[in-house]
Amino acid sequence: MYIRAMKKTFLSLILFLTLAGFIDSIYLTWEHFNNVLPPCSVNNLFPILSDCGKVLKSPYSVIFGIPLAVIGVIHYGLLTLAVLGVIIYKKRVFSYWVIIQSIFGALASLYFMYIQFAIIRSLCLYCTLSSLISFTILVLVYIFLKKERFQLHTSLYAFIYQNFVKRIFFLLDPEFIHGIMIKRGAFLAKTPLIKFVGSKLIYKDNSLKQKLAGINFENPIGLAAGFDYNADLTQALYYLDFGFQSVGTITNGAYRGNPKPLLGRLPRSKSLMVNKGFKNKGARAISEKLGNLHFLIPVGVSIGVTNSQEIKSLEEAVKDIVISFKTFEKARVKNSYYELNISCPNLVNAKKFNFYPQKNLDLLLAALDKMKLKKPIFIKMPIEKTNQEVVKMLDVIVKHKSIKGVIFGNLQKNRKDPSLLQSEVKKFKVGFFSGKPCEKRSNELIKLAYKKFGEKLVIIGCGGIFNAEDAYKKIKLGASLVQLITGMIFQGPQLISQINLELIDLAKRDGFKNIKEAVGIDSR
């Protein structure tokens, strides 16, 4: 309330300044058309630097036949209307208007001050007053319309990405583009430029902070496993305003990826075809990399079974996964937690054995319990299973203390799902689907898990998040955190910041002081 009152006070101050500039410009306009020299034309204090008449009668006082004083009237008049729009209607468009016009006003004032000092070599006190007003307005706008500035930045980035960058990217092979972006992101993270990018996207607000399973999260938006599978972007993703990130899925043995295609786009279905099959450089190589790094946001190390036909039994699969966990435990990765991916449908042994039956899942989790891990584990769940099957899995999960939460969920396996356009699906003979085709079932399972196990498990929602409303829906159904990949690819890297900014407004709209108060509100 205090901050809101302060903002209203300073908006009133900005309004006062715009009116002062408007009156000043009207006076100068009257002088211009009545050929009257202002009193400051003769100044005994600063006779060299101050001569309003010299400035106002110079050829620089008119642009394209229009007196600068008239332009000042128009500028301050429009700015006054914009500020009134912010105060009365509280519409974002008026805030953008104020920000943009205050920037142009200050730049124009800077130029005109240069003209007075460097070329005319005399000052007009009325003109200088107008410049001071413009500079003061810009400073106040910069300080007290911070959130609106960030929203303007993200809107600009979204426009550029969706109208230019995305159109070029979507003409090229998706795996090629993915590789390029990983390399560029990793390089950018090593340069000072990354902090400049972050300064335009990172928006911190206490209403988004949570502590879950002993881990501090700055905001609830995370990068899902499957994008940064070799942990190349851990030093960059913080600057896109992510609250946490997942690397992998990582396996004990390195894997070069399934036969191509590994990725495909379904633009009209708002989906990606995914067929990577746990492509990664292996637990040893990646753990050595992560063990030497410091992370500004929590890192989820996603671990799965090696995608190899050499693993021929359930027992061998359990042993393989345990080895990966031991490898990362030795690395002592800072500010991290684990994700256990048991639901990838693109593995060579997916049809031979899996961890969905209660007995199989219990065998795996019991093996992890014996390790006495200090870091929490979140299990990435399938979405194609029935409610009854999922509940049986959750019954097993809650019995194991090392498991602190679940992620709903993985890819959509049903190629005939109504959300998938069949003309797009037919282009791909392999792989399964991310994005919007996962959303409905993901939300159903979040609600189911929260109702039955909300007090025992932290739920992370994943699948179909393309805007803040999508994320907020998952949160209200029971997800404390959410993850995305596909939405970022379709909407742009500014999406994370946009979601966080809008989540603040959505939570306030519903009367919540912190986002955690909204968790599960629609499932109680």
Protein backbone atom coordinates (compact mmCIF):
# COMPACT_ATOMS: atom_id res chain seq x y z
CA MET A 1 0.00 0.00 0.00
CA TYR A 2 2.88 2.34 0.84
CA ILE A 3 4.53 1.77 -2.54
CA ARG A 4 1.21 2.27 -4.33
CA ALA A 5 0.63 5.55 -2.45
CA MET A 6 4.17 6.71 -3.30
CA LYS A 7 3.60 5.90 -6.96
CA LYS A 8 0.35 7.86 -6.99
CA THR A 9 2.08 10.82 -5.32
CA PHE A 10 4.86 10.91 -7.88
CA LEU A 11 2.43 10.49 -10.76
CA SER A 12 0.73 13.61 -9.42
CA LEU A 13 4.13 15.32 -9.35
CA ILE A 14 4.76 14.28 -12.97
CA LEU A 15 1.34 15.68 -13.87
CA PHE A 16 2.24 18.97 -12.17
CA LEU A 17 5.50 19.13 -14.15
CA THR A 18 3.78 18.42 -17.47
CA LEU A 19 1.30 21.21 -16.75
CA ALA A 20 4.19 23.53 -15.86
CA GLY A 21 5.89 22.67 -19.14
CA PHE A 22 2.60 23.20 -20.98
CA ILE A 23 2.15 26.68 -19.45
CA ASP A 24 5.78 27.57 -20.16
CA SER A 25 5.37 26.54 -23.80
CA ILE A 26 2.11 28.48 -24.17
CA TYR A 27 3.84 31.60 -22.86
CA LEU A 28 6.73 31.20 -25.31
CA THR A 29 4.25 30.59 -28.14
CA TRP A 30 2.40 33.80 -27.26
CA GLU A 31 5.68 35.72 -27.26
CA HIS A 32 6.66 34.26 -30.62
CA PHE A 33 3.47 35.20 -32.44
CA ASN A 34 3.22 38.61 -30.78
CA ASN A 35 6.88 39.38 -31.46
CA VAL A 36 7.48 40.13 -27.78
CA LEU A 37 10.88 39.70 -26.18
CA PRO A 38 10.73 38.01 -22.76
CA PRO A 39 12.15 39.78 -19.68
CA CYS A 40 15.18 37.49 -19.62
CA SER A 41 16.46 39.02 -22.86
CA VAL A 42 18.52 41.37 -20.70
CA ASN A 43 20.10 39.61 -17.72
CA ASN A 44 22.49 41.52 -15.50
CA LEU A 45 23.58 38.39 -13.62
CA PHE A 46 24.67 36.37 -16.65
CA PRO A 47 24.87 38.86 -19.53
CA ILE A 48 27.02 36.56 -21.66
CA LEU A 49 25.22 33.25 -21.22
CA SER A 50 21.65 34.42 -20.80
CA ASP A 51 19.83 36.16 -23.63
CA CYS A 52 16.37 34.78 -24.33
CA GLY A 53 15.83 37.09 -27.27
CA LYS A 54 18.97 35.87 -29.01
CA VAL A 55 17.84 32.26 -28.63
CA LEU A 56 14.18 32.80 -29.49
CA LYS A 57 14.97 34.87 -32.58
CA SER A 58 17.61 32.49 -33.87
CA PRO A 59 16.90 30.28 -36.91
CA TYR A 60 17.08 27.26 -34.58
CA SER A 61 13.85 28.31 -32.86
CA VAL A 62 11.84 27.09 -35.85
CA ILE A 63 11.78 23.58 -37.38
CA PHE A 64 10.15 23.09 -40.79
CA GLY A 65 8.35 26.36 -40.30
CA ILE A 66 6.93 25.35 -36.91
CA PRO A 67 8.10 27.30 -33.83
CA LEU A 68 9.67 25.10 -31.16
CA ALA A 69 7.32 26.72 -28.66
CA VAL A 70 4.34 25.28 -30.54
CA ILE A 71 5.99 21.86 -30.59
CA GLY A 72 6.45 22.26 -26.83
CA VAL A 73 2.73 22.97 -26.39
CA ILE A 74 1.86 19.83 -28.35
CA HIS A 75 4.46 17.73 -26.49
CA TYR A 76 3.45 18.76 -22.99
CA GLY A 77 -0.24 18.71 -23.88
CA LEU A 78 -0.08 15.12 -25.09
CA LEU A 79 2.11 14.12 -22.16
CA THR A 80 -0.39 15.64 -19.74
CA LEU A 81 -3.19 13.60 -21.33
CA ALA A 82 -1.08 10.44 -21.09
CA VAL A 83 -0.32 10.98 -17.39
CA LEU A 84 -4.01 11.60 -16.73
CA GLY A 85 -4.72 8.33 -18.56
CA VAL A 86 -2.35 6.47 -16.23
CA ILE A 87 -3.89 8.03 -13.11
CA ILE A 88 -7.54 7.68 -14.10
CA TYR A 89 -7.75 4.58 -16.30
CA LYS A 90 -4.63 2.69 -15.12
CA LYS A 91 -4.19 1.25 -18.61
CA ARG A 92 -0.81 -0.08 -19.66
CA VAL A 93 -0.96 1.74 -23.00
CA PHE A 94 -0.93 5.12 -21.22
CA SER A 95 2.13 4.09 -19.20
CA TYR A 96 3.92 3.12 -22.40
CA TRP A 97 2.91 6.45 -23.90
CA VAL A 98 4.35 8.37 -20.93
CA ILE A 99 7.61 6.40 -21.00
CA ILE A 100 8.21 6.77 -24.73
CA GLN A 101 7.28 10.44 -24.90
CA SER A 102 9.33 11.33 -21.82
CA ILE A 103 12.38 9.70 -23.44
CA PHE A 104 11.92 11.62 -26.69
CA GLY A 105 11.23 14.82 -24.77
CA ALA A 106 14.44 14.48 -22.77
CA LEU A 107 16.48 13.67 -25.88
CA ALA A 108 15.05 16.68 -27.71
CA SER A 109 15.79 18.89 -24.71
CA LEU A 110 19.35 17.62 -24.59
CA TYR A 111 19.80 18.50 -28.26
CA PHE A 112 18.34 21.99 -27.81
CA MET A 113 20.55 22.64 -24.78
CA TYR A 114 23.53 21.70 -26.95
CA ILE A 115 22.36 24.19 -29.60
CA GLN A 116 22.15 26.95 -27.00
CA PHE A 117 25.55 26.23 -25.44
CA ALA A 118 27.63 25.25 -28.45
CA ILE A 119 26.14 27.15 -31.38
CA ILE A 120 24.06 30.14 -30.23
CA ARG A 121 26.27 30.50 -27.15
CA SER A 122 23.47 31.93 -25.09
CA LEU A 123 20.77 30.58 -22.81
CA CYS A 124 17.04 31.15 -22.77
CA LEU A 125 15.89 30.71 -19.17
CA TYR A 126 12.39 29.69 -20.27
CA CYS A 127 13.81 27.11 -22.68
CA THR A 128 16.18 25.87 -19.99
CA LEU A 129 13.26 25.56 -17.59
CA SER A 130 11.45 23.40 -20.16
CA SER A 131 14.54 21.20 -20.50
CA LEU A 132 14.85 20.80 -16.74
CA ILE A 133 11.19 19.81 -16.59
CA SER A 134 11.76 17.18 -19.31
CA PHE A 135 14.80 15.74 -17.56
CA THR A 136 13.00 15.65 -14.19
CA ILE A 137 10.00 13.89 -15.74
CA LEU A 138 12.28 11.27 -17.29
CA VAL A 139 14.00 10.58 -13.95
CA LEU A 140 10.66 10.23 -12.15
CA VAL A 141 9.29 7.98 -14.88
CA TYR A 142 12.43 5.84 -14.75
CA ILE A 143 12.11 5.38 -10.99
CA PHE A 144 8.38 5.07 -10.46
CA LEU A 145 7.26 3.35 -13.65
CA LYS A 146 9.86 0.59 -13.35
CA LYS A 147 7.45 -2.26 -13.88
CA GLU A 148 5.88 -0.54 -16.86
CA ARG A 149 9.35 0.02 -18.35
CA PHE A 150 10.05 -3.69 -18.13
CA GLN A 151 6.70 -4.45 -19.74
CA LEU A 152 7.56 -2.08 -22.57
CA HIS A 153 10.97 -3.73 -23.04
CA THR A 154 9.45 -7.20 -23.19
CA SER A 155 6.72 -6.07 -25.58
CA LEU A 156 9.37 -4.62 -27.88
CA TYR A 157 11.44 -7.83 -27.72
CA ALA A 158 8.30 -9.88 -28.41
CA PHE A 159 7.48 -7.76 -31.47
CA ILE A 160 11.00 -8.15 -32.87
CA TYR A 161 11.15 -11.89 -32.19
CA GLN A 162 7.72 -12.80 -33.50
CA ASN A 163 7.81 -10.58 -36.59
CA PHE A 164 11.42 -10.99 -37.65
CA VAL A 165 13.61 -13.48 -35.75
CA LYS A 166 11.04 -16.27 -35.49
CA ARG A 167 10.15 -16.06 -39.17
CA ILE A 168 13.78 -16.62 -40.10
CA PHE A 169 14.32 -19.36 -37.50
CA PHE A 170 11.23 -21.27 -38.60
CA LEU A 171 12.57 -21.47 -42.14
CA LEU A 172 15.55 -23.49 -40.92
CA ASP A 173 16.00 -26.93 -39.37
CA PRO A 174 14.91 -26.76 -35.70
CA GLU A 175 17.80 -28.88 -34.40
CA PHE A 176 20.27 -26.64 -36.26
CA ILE A 177 18.68 -23.51 -34.75
CA HIS A 178 18.67 -25.13 -31.31
CA GLY A 179 22.38 -25.84 -31.59
CA ILE A 180 23.13 -22.30 -32.74
CA MET A 181 21.17 -20.77 -29.86
CA ILE A 182 22.89 -23.00 -27.30
CA LYS A 183 26.32 -21.95 -28.60
CA ARG A 184 25.41 -18.26 -28.79
CA GLY A 185 23.84 -18.32 -25.34
CA ALA A 186 26.89 -20.00 -23.81
CA PHE A 187 29.17 -17.45 -25.48
CA LEU A 188 27.01 -14.50 -24.45
CA ALA A 189 27.11 -15.68 -20.82
CA LYS A 190 30.87 -15.10 -20.84
CA THR A 191 30.57 -11.46 -21.92
CA PRO A 192 29.40 -8.28 -20.12
CA LEU A 193 26.61 -8.02 -22.69
CA ILE A 194 24.63 -10.66 -20.78
CA LYS A 195 24.16 -8.26 -17.86
CA PHE A 196 22.86 -5.58 -20.20
CA VAL A 197 20.29 -8.04 -21.57
CA GLY A 198 19.37 -9.07 -18.04
CA SER A 199 18.91 -5.48 -16.92
CA LYS A 200 16.07 -5.22 -19.43
CA LEU A 201 14.41 -8.51 -18.51
CA ILE A 202 15.01 -9.38 -14.84
CA TYR A 203 12.23 -8.07 -12.63
CA LYS A 204 12.31 -9.11 -8.99
CA ASP A 205 9.28 -8.96 -6.75
CA ASN A 206 8.81 -10.43 -3.30
CA SER A 207 5.33 -11.63 -4.22
CA LEU A 208 6.88 -14.28 -6.50
CA LYS A 209 9.43 -15.66 -4.02
CA GLN A 210 8.94 -19.09 -2.44
CA LYS A 211 10.93 -21.58 -0.40
CA LEU A 212 10.10 -25.15 -1.39
CA ALA A 213 11.82 -28.36 -0.31
CA GLY A 214 14.50 -26.21 1.32
CA ILE A 215 15.27 -24.35 -1.92
CA ASN A 216 14.76 -20.62 -2.50
CA PHE A 217 13.03 -19.72 -5.76
CA GLU A 218 13.01 -16.08 -6.91
CA ASN A 219 10.01 -16.76 -9.12
CA PRO A 220 7.98 -19.82 -10.16
CA ILE A 221 9.05 -20.02 -13.84
CA GLY A 222 11.65 -22.61 -14.79
CA LEU A 223 13.20 -24.08 -17.91
CA ALA A 224 12.15 -27.70 -18.35
CA ALA A 225 14.59 -30.53 -19.01
CA GLY A 226 15.20 -31.26 -22.69
CA PHE A 227 16.49 -27.89 -23.85
CA ASP A 228 19.86 -27.48 -22.14
CA TYR A 229 20.70 -31.18 -22.15
CA ASN A 230 24.47 -30.67 -21.81
CA ALA A 231 24.26 -27.88 -19.21
CA ASP A 232 25.71 -25.20 -21.49
CA LEU A 233 23.36 -22.37 -20.47
CA THR A 234 23.50 -22.46 -16.68
CA GLN A 235 25.27 -19.09 -16.56
CA ALA A 236 22.88 -17.44 -19.03
CA LEU A 237 19.32 -18.41 -18.12
CA TYR A 238 19.18 -16.26 -14.99
CA TYR A 239 19.34 -13.23 -17.26
CA LEU A 240 16.14 -14.28 -19.04
CA ASP A 241 14.35 -13.99 -15.67
CA PHE A 242 14.03 -17.72 -15.01
CA GLY A 243 13.52 -18.61 -11.36
CA PHE A 244 15.14 -22.03 -11.82
CA GLN A 245 16.44 -24.24 -14.60
CA SER A 246 16.74 -27.92 -15.45
CA VAL A 247 19.66 -29.50 -17.28
CA GLY A 248 19.57 -32.81 -19.10
CA THR A 249 18.06 -35.30 -19.02
CA ILE A 250 21.51 -36.72 -18.20
CA THR A 251 22.39 -40.41 -18.24
CA ASN A 252 25.26 -42.53 -16.98
CA GLY A 253 26.35 -43.30 -20.52
CA ALA A 254 26.64 -40.61 -23.17
CA TYR A 255 24.14 -40.76 -26.03
CA ARG A 256 24.32 -39.03 -29.42
CA GLY A 257 20.57 -38.93 -29.89
CA ASN A 258 17.99 -40.99 -31.73
CA PRO A 259 18.02 -41.30 -35.53
CA LYS A 260 16.92 -38.02 -37.10
CA PRO A 261 14.72 -36.06 -37.04
CA LEU A 262 15.30 -35.10 -33.42
CA LEU A 263 13.00 -32.07 -33.52
CA GLY A 264 10.11 -30.82 -35.61
CA ARG A 265 7.69 -27.93 -35.52
CA LEU A 266 3.89 -28.03 -35.55
CA PRO A 267 3.12 -24.28 -35.64
CA ARG A 268 -0.67 -24.51 -35.89
CA SER A 269 -0.80 -27.07 -33.09
CA LYS A 270 1.60 -24.92 -31.02
CA SER A 271 3.75 -27.96 -30.49
CA LEU A 272 7.16 -29.49 -31.12
CA MET A 273 7.88 -33.05 -32.17
CA VAL A 274 10.59 -34.33 -29.82
CA ASN A 275 12.69 -37.41 -30.57
CA LYS A 276 16.01 -36.83 -28.80
CA GLY A 277 15.96 -39.87 -26.55
CA PHE A 278 18.11 -38.37 -23.76
CA LYS A 279 20.81 -36.92 -26.00
CA ASN A 280 23.66 -35.86 -23.69
CA LYS A 281 27.41 -36.13 -23.05
CA GLY A 282 27.03 -38.34 -20.00
CA ALA A 283 26.93 -37.87 -16.23
CA ARG A 284 30.67 -37.80 -15.68
CA ALA A 285 31.43 -35.03 -18.18
CA ILE A 286 28.47 -32.86 -17.20
CA SER A 287 28.95 -33.32 -13.44
CA GLU A 288 32.57 -32.18 -13.73
CA LYS A 289 31.39 -29.06 -15.53
CA LEU A 290 28.65 -28.25 -13.02
CA GLY A 291 30.79 -28.98 -9.99
CA ASN A 292 33.04 -26.03 -10.82
CA LEU A 293 30.28 -23.48 -11.31
CA HIS A 294 28.23 -21.12 -9.16
CA PHE A 295 24.54 -20.68 -9.98
CA LEU A 296 22.40 -17.60 -9.46
CA ILE A 297 19.23 -19.71 -9.62
CA PRO A 298 18.59 -23.33 -8.56
CA VAL A 299 19.60 -25.98 -11.09
CA GLY A 300 17.59 -29.15 -11.44
CA VAL A 301 19.79 -32.02 -12.55
CA SER A 302 17.48 -34.29 -14.55
CA ILE A 303 18.64 -37.91 -14.48
CA GLY A 304 17.35 -40.86 -16.47
CA VAL A 305 18.33 -44.33 -17.61
CA THR A 306 20.95 -44.62 -20.35
CA ASN A 307 19.25 -45.03 -23.71
CA SER A 308 20.99 -48.24 -24.73
CA GLN A 309 19.97 -51.75 -25.73
CA GLU A 310 22.77 -53.01 -23.51
CA ILE A 311 20.51 -52.34 -20.54
CA LYS A 312 18.30 -55.40 -20.77
CA SER A 313 16.54 -55.60 -17.42
CA LEU A 314 14.84 -53.48 -14.82
CA GLU A 315 17.59 -54.23 -12.31
CA GLU A 316 20.25 -53.02 -14.74
CA ALA A 317 18.25 -49.85 -15.34
CA VAL A 318 18.05 -49.16 -11.60
CA LYS A 319 21.78 -49.71 -11.23
CA ASP A 320 22.49 -47.39 -14.17
CA ILE A 321 20.39 -44.60 -12.65
CA VAL A 322 21.98 -45.02 -9.22
CA ILE A 323 25.45 -44.66 -10.77
CA SER A 324 24.41 -41.31 -12.28
CA PHE A 325 23.17 -40.08 -8.91
CA LYS A 326 26.43 -41.16 -7.27
CA THR A 327 28.40 -39.32 -9.94
CA PHE A 328 26.59 -36.06 -9.25
CA GLU A 329 26.77 -36.54 -5.50
CA LYS A 330 30.55 -36.69 -5.78
CA ALA A 331 30.56 -33.48 -7.83
CA ARG A 332 28.73 -31.60 -5.04
CA VAL A 333 26.89 -29.32 -7.42
CA LYS A 334 25.93 -26.12 -5.61
CA ASN A 335 22.40 -24.70 -5.42
CA SER A 336 20.86 -27.74 -7.07
CA TYR A 337 18.22 -30.44 -6.76
CA TYR A 338 17.45 -33.61 -8.72
CA GLU A 339 14.80 -34.52 -11.24
CA LEU A 340 14.20 -38.20 -11.95
CA ASN A 341 12.87 -38.64 -15.48
CA ILE A 342 11.03 -41.96 -15.64
CA SER A 343 8.58 -40.96 -18.36
CA CYS A 344 10.50 -40.29 -21.59
CA PRO A 345 8.68 -42.20 -24.37
CA ASN A 346 11.57 -42.00 -26.87
CA LEU A 347 13.86 -44.66 -25.36
CA VAL A 348 14.82 -47.94 -27.02
CA ASN A 349 13.72 -49.96 -23.99
CA ALA A 350 10.55 -47.97 -23.26
CA LYS A 351 8.33 -50.87 -24.32
CA LYS A 352 10.39 -53.60 -22.65
CA PHE A 353 10.36 -52.24 -19.11
CA ASN A 354 9.48 -49.06 -17.27
CA PHE A 355 8.92 -47.71 -13.78
CA TYR A 356 5.18 -47.20 -13.99
CA PRO A 357 4.09 -50.39 -12.15
CA GLN A 358 4.17 -49.88 -8.39
CA LYS A 359 6.64 -52.72 -7.83
CA ASN A 360 9.11 -51.34 -10.38
CA LEU A 361 8.85 -47.79 -9.10
CA ASP A 362 9.29 -48.90 -5.51
CA LEU A 363 12.42 -50.83 -6.47
CA LEU A 364 14.00 -47.73 -8.00
CA LEU A 365 13.05 -45.34 -5.21
CA ALA A 366 14.20 -47.77 -2.53
CA ALA A 367 17.61 -47.86 -4.20
CA LEU A 368 17.75 -44.06 -4.10
CA ASP A 369 16.64 -44.01 -0.46
CA LYS A 370 19.67 -46.12 0.41
CA MET A 371 21.91 -43.36 -0.91
CA LYS A 372 20.56 -40.98 1.76
CA LEU A 373 20.63 -38.03 -0.61
CA LYS A 374 20.52 -34.60 1.00
CA LYS A 375 19.09 -32.92 -2.06
CA PRO A 376 15.40 -33.25 -2.92
CA ILE A 377 14.20 -35.29 -5.89
CA PHE A 378 11.28 -34.41 -8.16
CA ILE A 379 9.92 -37.18 -10.38
CA LYS A 380 8.89 -36.33 -13.94
CA MET A 381 5.63 -38.13 -14.51
CA PRO A 382 3.87 -39.43 -17.64
CA ILE A 383 0.62 -37.82 -18.76
CA GLU A 384 -0.79 -40.70 -20.81
CA LYS A 385 -1.63 -42.86 -17.79
CA THR A 386 -5.12 -43.06 -16.31
CA ASN A 387 -5.99 -41.30 -13.07
CA GLN A 388 -6.03 -44.63 -11.27
CA GLU A 389 -2.58 -45.55 -12.55
CA VAL A 390 -1.17 -42.16 -11.59
CA VAL A 391 -2.62 -42.36 -8.08
CA LYS A 392 -1.02 -45.78 -7.63
CA MET A 393 2.33 -44.30 -8.62
CA LEU A 394 1.84 -41.39 -6.22
CA ASP A 395 0.96 -43.83 -3.43
CA VAL A 396 4.42 -45.32 -3.85
CA ILE A 397 6.19 -41.99 -4.24
CA VAL A 398 4.93 -40.47 -0.97
CA LYS A 399 6.35 -43.42 0.97
CA HIS A 400 9.90 -42.45 0.04
CA LYS A 401 11.36 -39.54 1.98
CA SER A 402 13.92 -38.60 -0.66
CA ILE A 403 11.12 -37.69 -3.08
CA LYS A 404 9.82 -34.18 -2.40
CA GLY A 405 7.73 -33.56 -5.47
CA VAL A 406 6.47 -34.50 -8.91
CA ILE A 407 6.42 -32.86 -12.33
CA PHE A 408 3.35 -33.14 -14.56
CA GLY A 409 4.36 -33.96 -17.05
CA ASN A 410 6.15 -35.33 -20.07
CA LEU A 411 5.29 -35.50 -23.78
CA GLN A 412 1.92 -36.22 -25.37
CA LYS A 413 2.06 -39.75 -26.80
CA ASN A 414 -1.42 -39.77 -28.31
CA ARG A 415 -0.86 -38.79 -31.93
CA LYS A 416 -4.63 -38.45 -32.38
CA ASP A 417 -5.11 -36.00 -29.52
CA PRO A 418 -7.74 -33.40 -30.56
CA SER A 419 -5.30 -30.55 -29.97
CA LEU A 420 -2.97 -31.90 -32.66
CA LEU A 421 -3.63 -30.98 -36.27
CA GLN A 422 -3.35 -34.27 -38.13
CA SER A 423 -1.93 -32.68 -41.27
CA GLU A 424 1.04 -31.60 -39.13
CA VAL A 425 1.35 -34.88 -37.24
CA LYS A 426 1.56 -36.88 -40.48
CA LYS A 427 4.83 -35.15 -41.34
CA PHE A 428 6.56 -37.03 -38.52
CA LYS A 429 6.81 -40.81 -38.32
CA VAL A 430 8.75 -40.72 -35.05
CA GLY A 431 8.73 -38.79 -31.79
CA PHE A 432 6.07 -37.37 -29.50
CA PHE A 433 4.69 -33.92 -28.83
CA SER A 434 5.24 -31.02 -26.46
CA GLY A 435 3.42 -27.73 -25.92
CA LYS A 436 -0.33 -27.23 -26.13
CA PRO A 437 -1.19 -30.91 -26.74
CA CYS A 438 0.11 -31.61 -23.21
CA GLU A 439 -1.76 -28.82 -21.45
CA LYS A 440 -5.18 -30.32 -20.79
CA ARG A 441 -3.94 -33.61 -19.36
CA SER A 442 -1.14 -31.91 -17.44
CA ASN A 443 -3.69 -29.66 -15.73
CA GLU A 444 -5.96 -32.59 -14.92
CA LEU A 445 -3.12 -34.47 -13.25
CA ILE A 446 -1.94 -31.41 -11.33
CA LYS A 447 -5.43 -31.07 -9.88
CA LEU A 448 -5.62 -34.79 -9.10
CA ALA A 449 -2.23 -34.84 -7.37
CA TYR A 450 -2.91 -31.69 -5.38
CA LYS A 451 -6.27 -32.93 -4.10
CA LYS A 452 -4.87 -36.24 -2.90
CA PHE A 453 -1.24 -35.45 -2.07
CA GLY A 454 -0.94 -31.65 -1.97
CA GLU A 455 0.24 -31.65 1.63
CA LYS A 456 2.94 -34.24 0.96
CA LEU A 457 4.34 -33.30 -2.44
CA VAL A 458 5.48 -30.15 -4.20
CA ILE A 459 3.96 -30.11 -7.67
CA ILE A 460 5.65 -28.62 -10.73
CA GLY A 461 3.42 -28.01 -13.74
CA CYS A 462 4.81 -28.47 -17.24
CA GLY A 463 3.12 -28.45 -20.63
CA GLY A 464 1.42 -25.83 -22.78
CA ILE A 465 2.52 -22.61 -21.07
CA PHE A 466 2.46 -19.82 -23.64
CA ASN A 467 1.47 -16.88 -21.42
CA ALA A 468 0.89 -15.83 -17.82
CA GLU A 469 -2.71 -17.06 -17.81
CA ASP A 470 -1.50 -20.56 -18.72
CA ALA A 471 1.02 -20.52 -15.88
CA TYR A 472 -1.45 -19.06 -13.40
CA LYS A 473 -4.01 -21.72 -14.23
CA LYS A 474 -1.53 -24.44 -13.34
CA ILE A 475 -0.63 -22.63 -10.13
CA LYS A 476 -4.26 -22.30 -9.08
CA LEU A 477 -4.78 -25.99 -9.81
CA GLY A 478 -1.95 -26.92 -7.45
CA ALA A 479 1.46 -26.33 -9.04
CA SER A 480 3.87 -24.36 -6.86
CA LEU A 481 6.26 -24.02 -9.80
CA VAL A 482 5.93 -24.32 -13.57
CA GLN A 483 8.29 -25.20 -16.40
CA LEU A 484 8.32 -24.48 -20.11
CA ILE A 485 10.29 -24.84 -23.33
CA THR A 486 7.90 -24.81 -26.29
CA GLY A 487 6.21 -21.54 -25.31
CA MET A 488 9.59 -19.80 -25.25
CA ILE A 489 10.42 -21.10 -28.73
CA PHE A 490 7.11 -19.92 -30.16
CA GLN A 491 6.74 -16.65 -28.23
CA GLY A 492 10.35 -15.58 -27.70
CA PRO A 493 12.93 -15.49 -24.87
CA GLN A 494 11.22 -12.47 -23.30
CA LEU A 495 8.24 -14.69 -22.44
CA ILE A 496 9.59 -15.59 -19.01
CA SER A 497 9.80 -11.96 -17.95
CA GLN A 498 6.36 -11.27 -19.40
CA ILE A 499 4.86 -14.14 -17.43
CA ASN A 500 6.47 -13.02 -14.17
CA LEU A 501 5.31 -9.43 -14.61
CA GLU A 502 1.74 -10.50 -15.35
CA LEU A 503 1.68 -13.08 -12.54
CA ILE A 504 2.25 -10.23 -10.10
CA ASP A 505 -0.84 -8.47 -11.45
CA LEU A 506 -2.94 -11.65 -11.55
CA ALA A 507 -2.10 -12.49 -7.94
CA LYS A 508 -2.88 -8.95 -6.78
CA ARG A 509 -6.13 -9.00 -8.74
CA ASP A 510 -7.21 -12.06 -6.77
CA GLY A 511 -6.12 -10.58 -3.45
CA PHE A 512 -2.95 -12.63 -2.91
CA LYS A 513 0.14 -11.05 -1.37
CA ASN A 514 2.35 -13.92 -2.50
CA ILE A 515 1.97 -16.37 -5.37
CA LYS A 516 2.07 -19.31 -2.95
CA GLU A 517 -1.34 -18.22 -1.64
CA ALA A 518 -2.81 -18.97 -5.07
CA VAL A 519 -1.44 -22.53 -5.20
CA GLY A 520 -4.30 -25.03 -5.39
CA ILE A 521 -7.04 -22.44 -4.88
CA ASP A 522 -9.09 -24.02 -7.70
CA SER A 523 -8.62 -27.58 -6.42
CA ARG A 524 -9.73 -27.17 -2.82
